[in-house]
Amino acid sequence: MSESILIQVIQSAGVVLSAILPFVFIAIIRKRKETQKKLYEAQQDILFLLEAEKRYGEVISFHEGATMKNTIRNRVRVETNLSWSGKNTASNIDIQYSKSDNTPSVTSLV
């Protein structure tokens, strides 16, 4: 292969790459934003369920004298083999989103 043909091939490859790369980066950014949105929605669901558990405990406490929260959580662990990590508490989620006005930011989700 002559030197001039090799130069033309390299230049052509550069043109193709410069045309394709922006689309690749846009796709990566779009996927990341979709993932962030899903994470935000999941954390909002966790906050809702924690609040529902708290209010349910208040009702049970009024009728029974105790919330029985830990008893119920233990039953769920034993009967379903699911476990509570304790990492996604209401305060942890609130701290993560307090800086960004309840919207996820790129740095808080990395």
Protein backbone atom coordinates (compact mmCIF):
# COMPACT_ATOMS: atom_id res chain seq x y z
CA MET A 1 0.00 0.00 0.00
CA SER A 2 1.39 3.34 -0.89
CA GLU A 3 1.87 6.06 1.63
CA SER A 4 -0.75 8.36 0.08
CA ILE A 5 -3.43 5.65 0.23
CA LEU A 6 -2.61 4.98 3.89
CA ILE A 7 -2.93 8.70 4.66
CA GLN A 8 -6.31 8.83 2.90
CA VAL A 9 -7.56 5.77 4.86
CA ILE A 10 -6.50 7.33 8.17
CA GLN A 11 -8.14 10.65 7.27
CA SER A 12 -11.35 8.88 6.27
CA ALA A 13 -11.40 6.96 9.53
CA GLY A 14 -10.97 10.23 11.40
CA VAL A 15 -13.92 11.77 9.58
CA VAL A 16 -16.11 8.76 10.34
CA LEU A 17 -15.11 8.77 14.01
CA SER A 18 -15.74 12.49 14.35
CA ALA A 19 -19.22 11.97 12.93
CA ILE A 20 -20.07 8.97 15.13
CA LEU A 21 -18.62 10.01 18.50
CA PRO A 22 -21.16 12.76 19.32
CA PHE A 23 -24.02 10.29 18.86
CA VAL A 24 -22.32 7.77 21.12
CA PHE A 25 -21.83 10.38 23.86
CA ILE A 26 -25.44 11.57 23.54
CA ALA A 27 -26.66 7.98 23.90
CA ILE A 28 -24.51 7.47 27.02
CA ILE A 29 -25.74 10.71 28.61
CA ARG A 30 -29.37 9.88 27.79
CA LYS A 31 -29.04 6.41 29.34
CA ARG A 32 -27.46 7.90 32.47
CA LYS A 33 -30.30 10.40 32.85
CA GLU A 34 -32.88 7.63 32.46
CA THR A 35 -31.08 5.61 35.14
CA GLN A 36 -30.98 8.65 37.44
CA LYS A 37 -34.71 9.17 36.96
CA LYS A 38 -35.42 5.52 37.82
CA LEU A 39 -33.24 5.78 40.92
CA TYR A 40 -35.01 8.97 42.01
CA GLU A 41 -38.42 7.34 41.55
CA ALA A 42 -37.31 4.27 43.51
CA GLN A 43 -36.06 6.46 46.36
CA GLN A 44 -39.35 8.38 46.38
CA ASP A 45 -41.17 5.03 46.62
CA ILE A 46 -38.95 4.08 49.57
CA LEU A 47 -39.77 7.38 51.30
CA PHE A 48 -43.47 6.77 50.72
CA LEU A 49 -43.31 3.23 52.10
CA LEU A 50 -41.32 4.35 55.14
CA GLU A 51 -43.91 7.04 55.87
CA ALA A 52 -46.74 4.53 55.38
CA GLU A 53 -44.98 2.14 57.79
CA LYS A 54 -44.60 4.95 60.33
CA ARG A 55 -48.28 5.92 60.15
CA TYR A 56 -49.40 2.31 60.26
CA GLY A 57 -47.25 1.89 63.37
CA GLU A 58 -48.97 4.90 64.94
CA VAL A 59 -52.38 3.31 64.35
CA ILE A 60 -51.23 -0.05 65.72
CA SER A 61 -49.62 1.69 68.69
CA PHE A 62 -52.90 3.46 69.48
CA HIS A 63 -54.77 0.13 69.54
CA GLU A 64 -52.09 -2.24 70.84
CA GLY A 65 -49.80 -0.01 72.88
CA ALA A 66 -46.72 -0.72 70.71
CA THR A 67 -45.87 -0.25 67.04
CA MET A 68 -44.61 -3.82 66.55
CA LYS A 69 -42.45 -2.46 63.71
CA ASN A 70 -39.48 -4.68 64.53
CA THR A 71 -41.71 -7.72 65.04
CA ILE A 72 -43.28 -7.21 61.62
CA ARG A 73 -39.88 -6.64 59.99
CA ASN A 74 -38.56 -9.84 61.57
CA ARG A 75 -41.57 -11.79 60.28
CA VAL A 76 -40.97 -10.43 56.78
CA ARG A 77 -37.30 -11.49 57.00
CA VAL A 78 -38.17 -15.01 58.11
CA GLU A 79 -41.18 -15.60 55.85
CA THR A 80 -39.92 -14.02 52.61
CA ASN A 81 -36.13 -14.15 52.94
CA LEU A 82 -36.04 -10.39 52.17
CA SER A 83 -33.90 -8.12 54.31
CA TRP A 84 -33.70 -4.43 55.16
CA SER A 85 -30.22 -3.02 54.61
CA GLY A 86 -30.91 0.10 56.66
CA LYS A 87 -28.98 2.19 54.12
CA ASN A 88 -32.04 3.75 52.45
CA THR A 89 -33.53 5.57 55.39
CA ALA A 90 -35.63 8.71 55.02
CA SER A 91 -32.84 10.89 56.41
CA ASN A 92 -30.25 9.47 53.99
CA ILE A 93 -32.50 10.10 51.00
CA ASP A 94 -33.44 13.60 52.23
CA ILE A 95 -29.77 14.55 52.66
CA GLN A 96 -28.97 13.35 49.15
CA TYR A 97 -31.66 15.54 47.55
CA SER A 98 -31.72 18.55 49.87
CA LYS A 99 -29.08 20.40 47.87
CA SER A 100 -30.85 20.01 44.54
CA ASP A 101 -34.44 20.93 45.40
CA ASN A 102 -35.74 17.32 45.31
CA THR A 103 -34.26 16.61 41.90
CA PRO A 104 -31.39 14.22 41.35
CA SER A 105 -28.04 15.58 40.33
CA VAL A 106 -25.25 13.84 38.49
CA THR A 107 -22.79 14.13 41.37
CA SER A 108 -25.23 12.89 44.03
CA LEU A 109 -25.97 9.69 42.13
CA VAL A 110 -22.46 8.63 41.19
